[in-house]
């Protein structure tokens, strides 16, 4: 372990930065907004880390799959329409192609989750011609 020694007249870079902040008390302060973990029996979503665990096993998801799962889980019990899902995850709405796009991603997401969590206490239910609903059992 290396321990740095500083003379009394030497300032650490952090101390110099803090002096600037103290000179300007009106300087805007920013705080990190931490999202709370979403937990179901034997299943956890950690949004700040963008990780999903089934028991102690991490489930590897793509960015879109994680975004879909997080959106579904934060709206547990609600039926989300294809339009709502597409606008939330992809940021726009294109009629006629969104159902296939969403369906494809949900199919891959289900495959990964259901494989990792065979005794899962949740499901992503398709509501025919409307959208999807995340339900805890």
Protein backbone atom coordinates (compact mmCIF):
# COMPACT_ATOMS: atom_id res chain seq x y z
CA UNK A 1 0.00 0.00 0.00
CA UNK A 2 1.32 3.41 -0.94
CA UNK A 3 0.57 6.31 1.36
CA UNK A 4 1.08 9.78 -0.05
CA UNK A 5 2.68 12.32 2.23
CA UNK A 6 1.86 15.99 1.81
CA UNK A 7 3.62 18.96 3.29
CA UNK A 8 1.52 21.41 5.27
CA UNK A 9 1.57 23.95 2.44
CA UNK A 10 0.47 21.44 -0.23
CA UNK A 11 -3.24 21.10 -0.89
CA UNK A 12 -5.01 18.08 -2.17
CA UNK A 13 -6.90 18.62 -5.46
CA UNK A 14 -10.17 17.78 -3.73
CA UNK A 15 -9.56 20.49 -1.11
CA UNK A 16 -8.98 23.03 -3.87
CA UNK A 17 -12.23 22.08 -5.57
CA UNK A 18 -14.12 22.35 -2.28
CA UNK A 19 -12.70 25.84 -1.71
CA UNK A 20 -14.21 26.95 -5.03
CA UNK A 21 -17.61 25.56 -4.02
CA UNK A 22 -17.45 27.36 -0.67
CA UNK A 23 -16.71 30.67 -2.45
CA UNK A 24 -19.92 30.31 -4.47
CA UNK A 25 -22.71 29.20 -2.12
CA UNK A 26 -25.36 29.68 -4.83
CA UNK A 27 -23.69 27.11 -7.06
CA UNK A 28 -26.38 24.57 -8.02
CA UNK A 29 -26.10 21.30 -6.19
CA UNK A 30 -27.07 18.07 -7.85
CA UNK A 31 -28.06 14.91 -6.10
CA UNK A 32 -28.30 11.48 -7.58
CA UNK A 33 -31.82 10.11 -7.57
CA UNK A 34 -31.58 6.44 -6.67
CA UNK A 35 -34.34 4.15 -7.84
CA UNK A 36 -35.43 1.53 -5.37
CA UNK A 37 -35.10 -2.15 -6.13
CA UNK A 38 -38.19 -3.96 -7.34
CA UNK A 39 -38.64 -7.27 -5.57
CA UNK A 40 -40.92 -10.23 -6.03
CA UNK A 41 -40.52 -13.63 -4.37
CA UNK A 42 -37.08 -14.93 -5.41
CA UNK A 43 -36.79 -12.23 -8.11
CA UNK A 44 -35.17 -8.79 -7.94
CA UNK A 45 -34.63 -5.90 -10.37
CA UNK A 46 -31.90 -3.40 -9.45
CA UNK A 47 -32.47 -0.41 -11.74
CA UNK A 48 -29.42 1.58 -10.59
CA UNK A 49 -27.17 -1.32 -11.53
CA UNK A 50 -29.35 -2.44 -14.47
CA UNK A 51 -29.23 -6.00 -13.13
CA UNK A 52 -31.86 -8.68 -12.70
CA UNK A 53 -31.54 -11.61 -10.31
CA UNK A 54 -33.54 -14.78 -10.03
CA UNK A 55 -32.52 -16.14 -6.66
CA UNK A 56 -28.78 -15.53 -6.64
CA UNK A 57 -28.38 -16.05 -10.38
CA UNK A 58 -28.04 -12.94 -12.53
CA UNK A 59 -30.10 -12.90 -15.70
CA UNK A 60 -28.21 -11.30 -18.62
CA UNK A 61 -30.53 -9.00 -20.56
CA UNK A 62 -30.02 -6.62 -23.47
CA UNK A 63 -30.75 -2.93 -22.95
CA UNK A 64 -34.19 -3.17 -24.58
CA UNK A 65 -35.06 -6.33 -22.65
CA UNK A 66 -34.10 -4.69 -19.35
CA UNK A 67 -36.06 -1.54 -20.23
CA UNK A 68 -39.12 -3.63 -21.11
CA UNK A 69 -38.92 -5.67 -17.91
CA UNK A 70 -38.44 -2.57 -15.75
CA UNK A 71 -41.37 -0.81 -17.45
CA UNK A 72 -43.59 -3.87 -17.03
CA UNK A 73 -42.60 -4.42 -13.38
CA UNK A 74 -43.11 -0.78 -12.39
CA UNK A 75 -46.60 -1.06 -13.84
CA UNK A 76 -47.43 -4.42 -12.28
CA UNK A 77 -51.02 -5.46 -12.81
CA UNK A 78 -51.69 -2.83 -15.48
CA UNK A 79 -52.31 -3.70 -19.09
CA UNK A 80 -49.87 -1.64 -21.14
CA UNK A 81 -50.88 -1.07 -24.74
CA UNK A 82 -48.55 -1.62 -27.65
CA UNK A 83 -48.51 2.13 -28.23
CA UNK A 84 -47.57 2.90 -24.60
CA UNK A 85 -44.81 0.29 -24.63
CA UNK A 86 -43.40 1.40 -27.96
CA UNK A 87 -43.37 5.08 -27.00
CA UNK A 88 -41.75 4.37 -23.62
CA UNK A 89 -39.05 2.00 -24.86
CA UNK A 90 -38.35 3.21 -28.40
CA UNK A 91 -39.41 6.83 -27.99
CA UNK A 92 -41.77 7.07 -30.95
CA UNK A 93 -44.75 5.33 -32.44
CA UNK A 94 -44.99 3.70 -35.83
CA UNK A 95 -48.31 2.03 -36.46
CA UNK A 96 -48.35 -1.48 -37.97
CA UNK A 97 -44.80 -2.47 -37.00
CA UNK A 98 -44.78 -1.99 -33.24
CA UNK A 99 -46.68 -5.20 -32.41
CA UNK A 100 -44.08 -7.38 -34.14
CA UNK A 101 -41.16 -5.44 -32.67
CA UNK A 102 -42.51 -5.59 -29.14
CA UNK A 103 -43.62 -9.21 -29.51
CA UNK A 104 -40.17 -10.25 -30.66
CA UNK A 105 -38.45 -8.55 -27.71
CA UNK A 106 -40.98 -9.87 -25.18
CA UNK A 107 -40.52 -13.40 -26.56
CA UNK A 108 -36.74 -13.19 -26.03
CA UNK A 109 -37.22 -11.62 -22.59
CA UNK A 110 -39.64 -14.35 -21.51
CA UNK A 111 -37.27 -17.05 -22.77
CA UNK A 112 -34.39 -15.73 -20.66
CA UNK A 113 -36.50 -15.12 -17.55
CA UNK A 114 -38.44 -18.34 -17.69
CA UNK A 115 -35.25 -20.36 -18.21
CA UNK A 116 -33.50 -18.67 -15.28
CA UNK A 117 -36.61 -18.73 -13.07
CA UNK A 118 -38.46 -22.00 -13.67
CA UNK A 119 -40.39 -21.59 -10.38
CA UNK A 120 -41.11 -17.92 -11.00
CA UNK A 121 -43.84 -16.11 -9.14
CA UNK A 122 -44.65 -13.76 -12.03
CA UNK A 123 -45.61 -13.81 -15.67
CA UNK A 124 -45.68 -11.44 -18.62
CA UNK A 125 -49.17 -12.00 -19.97
CA UNK A 126 -50.20 -11.10 -23.50
CA UNK A 127 -53.52 -9.29 -23.77
CA UNK A 128 -54.56 -10.14 -27.30
CA UNK A 129 -54.59 -7.17 -29.69
CA UNK A 130 -53.99 -4.75 -26.79
CA UNK A 131 -50.55 -5.24 -25.21
CA UNK A 132 -48.92 -6.92 -22.20
CA UNK A 133 -49.38 -7.13 -18.45
CA UNK A 134 -46.79 -8.07 -15.80
CA UNK A 135 -48.46 -10.04 -13.01
CA UNK A 136 -47.09 -11.42 -9.77
CA UNK A 137 -48.71 -14.70 -8.70
